[in-house]
Amino acid sequence: MTSGPIAARWFRVIATFEAVSWTALLVAMFLKWVVHAPHEGGVPVVGMIHGIGFVVYLLSTVWAAVTLRWSLPTTLVGLAAGVPPFGTVVFERGMLRRGALPAGTARRPAAPARG
C-alpha cells in the first residue's frame, strides 16, 4: 500500500477533528462570555485541544500536499483553511470533489435500508 491513501485518510480525519474542536471552542467561548459559566466555560482546556488540533492539521496538510503532489497554491489554501471555523471541512470536501484525494479514502455511504 502506498502512502498516498494513508496521508489522504489521515488528512480527512484530522480536518474533521479540527472542525469539531473549533465548534467546541466556540461553544466554550459562548459559555464563558455570554452565559458567564464557572471555570471560564472550559476555554483553557478546549482551547489547548483546538490549538494542538490546528498544528496537527497544518502538519497533515503539508504531508498530504507532498505525498499527493498538490500544487503550491492548493497547499497554501489548505493551510489557510485551518483559520476560519469549519474551513478545514470545506477544503477537504472540495479536494474530494476535485479528485485530489485518492479513491478509497472517502466515507462509505450507508447501506440501503431493507424493507
Protein backbone atom coordinates (compact mmCIF):
# COMPACT_ATOMS: atom_id res chain seq x y z
CA MET A 1 0.00 0.00 0.00
CA THR A 2 1.39 3.37 -0.94
CA SER A 3 1.47 6.28 1.47
CA GLY A 4 -0.96 8.36 -0.65
CA PRO A 5 -4.16 6.78 0.67
CA ILE A 6 -2.76 6.82 4.20
CA ALA A 7 -1.90 10.52 4.01
CA ALA A 8 -5.31 11.27 2.49
CA ARG A 9 -7.16 9.28 5.16
CA TRP A 10 -5.27 11.00 8.00
CA PHE A 11 -5.79 14.37 6.37
CA ARG A 12 -9.55 13.78 6.24
CA VAL A 13 -9.74 12.58 9.85
CA ILE A 14 -7.64 15.47 11.18
CA ALA A 15 -9.55 18.05 9.11
CA THR A 16 -12.77 16.79 10.69
CA PHE A 17 -11.25 16.78 14.18
CA GLU A 18 -10.04 20.35 13.72
CA ALA A 19 -13.55 21.47 12.74
CA VAL A 20 -15.08 19.66 15.73
CA SER A 21 -12.54 21.23 18.09
CA TRP A 22 -13.36 24.67 16.58
CA THR A 23 -17.02 24.02 17.37
CA ALA A 24 -16.17 23.03 20.93
CA LEU A 25 -14.08 26.18 21.35
CA LEU A 26 -16.89 28.38 20.04
CA VAL A 27 -19.30 26.75 22.50
CA ALA A 28 -16.83 27.19 25.36
CA MET A 29 -16.31 30.87 24.48
CA PHE A 30 -20.08 31.36 24.37
CA LEU A 31 -20.37 29.78 27.82
CA LYS A 32 -17.56 31.97 29.15
CA TRP A 33 -18.58 35.34 27.69
CA VAL A 34 -22.35 35.11 27.33
CA VAL A 35 -23.51 32.67 29.99
CA HIS A 36 -20.66 33.55 32.39
CA ALA A 37 -20.16 29.89 33.23
CA PRO A 38 -17.81 28.93 36.06
CA HIS A 39 -14.27 27.77 35.28
CA GLU A 40 -14.15 30.08 32.25
CA GLY A 41 -16.52 27.78 30.37
CA GLY A 42 -13.71 25.32 29.71
CA VAL A 43 -11.93 27.69 27.34
CA PRO A 44 -8.38 26.94 28.57
CA VAL A 45 -8.74 23.17 28.11
CA VAL A 46 -10.77 23.26 24.91
CA GLY A 47 -8.50 26.00 23.56
CA MET A 48 -5.42 23.86 24.12
CA ILE A 49 -7.06 20.85 22.45
CA HIS A 50 -8.04 23.02 19.48
CA GLY A 51 -4.55 24.53 19.30
CA ILE A 52 -2.96 21.09 19.16
CA GLY A 53 -5.52 20.04 16.55
CA PHE A 54 -4.71 23.12 14.48
CA VAL A 55 -0.97 22.39 14.49
CA VAL A 56 -1.59 18.73 13.63
CA TYR A 57 -3.90 19.86 10.81
CA LEU A 58 -1.13 22.08 9.40
CA LEU A 59 1.34 19.18 9.55
CA SER A 60 -1.12 16.75 7.95
CA THR A 61 -1.82 19.27 5.19
CA VAL A 62 1.88 19.53 4.37
CA TRP A 63 2.21 15.73 4.50
CA ALA A 64 -0.79 15.26 2.19
CA ALA A 65 0.43 18.02 -0.15
CA VAL A 66 3.87 16.46 -0.54
CA THR A 67 2.59 12.89 -0.77
CA LEU A 68 -0.29 13.65 -3.13
CA ARG A 69 1.66 16.28 -5.11
CA TRP A 70 -0.68 19.20 -4.60
CA SER A 71 0.32 22.48 -6.22
CA LEU A 72 1.70 25.28 -4.06
CA PRO A 73 -1.48 27.41 -4.37
CA THR A 74 -3.64 24.42 -3.36
CA THR A 75 -1.35 23.73 -0.40
CA LEU A 76 -1.50 27.36 0.73
CA VAL A 77 -5.30 27.35 0.50
CA GLY A 78 -5.31 24.13 2.54
CA LEU A 79 -3.13 25.71 5.21
CA ALA A 80 -5.26 28.84 5.29
CA ALA A 81 -8.41 26.70 5.59
CA GLY A 82 -7.41 25.96 9.18
CA VAL A 83 -8.01 29.56 10.23
CA PRO A 84 -11.77 30.15 9.74
CA PRO A 85 -14.18 27.89 11.58
CA PHE A 86 -15.09 24.81 9.51
CA GLY A 87 -12.72 25.82 6.72
CA THR A 88 -10.90 22.51 7.00
CA VAL A 89 -14.04 20.54 6.18
CA VAL A 90 -14.93 22.85 3.28
CA PHE A 91 -11.41 22.43 1.86
CA GLU A 92 -11.40 18.67 2.42
CA ARG A 93 -14.78 18.22 0.71
CA GLY A 94 -13.66 20.38 -2.21
CA MET A 95 -10.50 18.34 -2.66
CA LEU A 96 -12.54 15.15 -2.57
CA ARG A 97 -14.91 16.50 -5.26
CA ARG A 98 -11.94 17.53 -7.43
CA GLY A 99 -10.45 14.05 -7.14
CA ALA A 100 -7.35 15.36 -5.35
CA LEU A 101 -7.81 12.81 -2.56
CA PRO A 102 -7.32 9.18 -3.65
CA ALA A 103 -10.25 6.84 -4.02
CA GLY A 104 -10.83 4.65 -1.03
CA THR A 105 -10.39 7.45 1.48
CA ALA A 106 -13.99 8.64 1.32
CA ARG A 107 -16.50 7.66 3.92
CA ARG A 108 -18.61 4.78 2.73
CA PRO A 109 -22.29 5.57 2.17
CA ALA A 110 -24.75 3.88 4.48
CA ALA A 111 -26.22 0.62 3.24
CA PRO A 112 -29.73 1.00 1.83
CA ALA A 113 -32.49 0.02 4.21
CA ARG A 114 -34.19 -3.26 3.53
CA GLY A 115 -37.92 -3.27 3.76
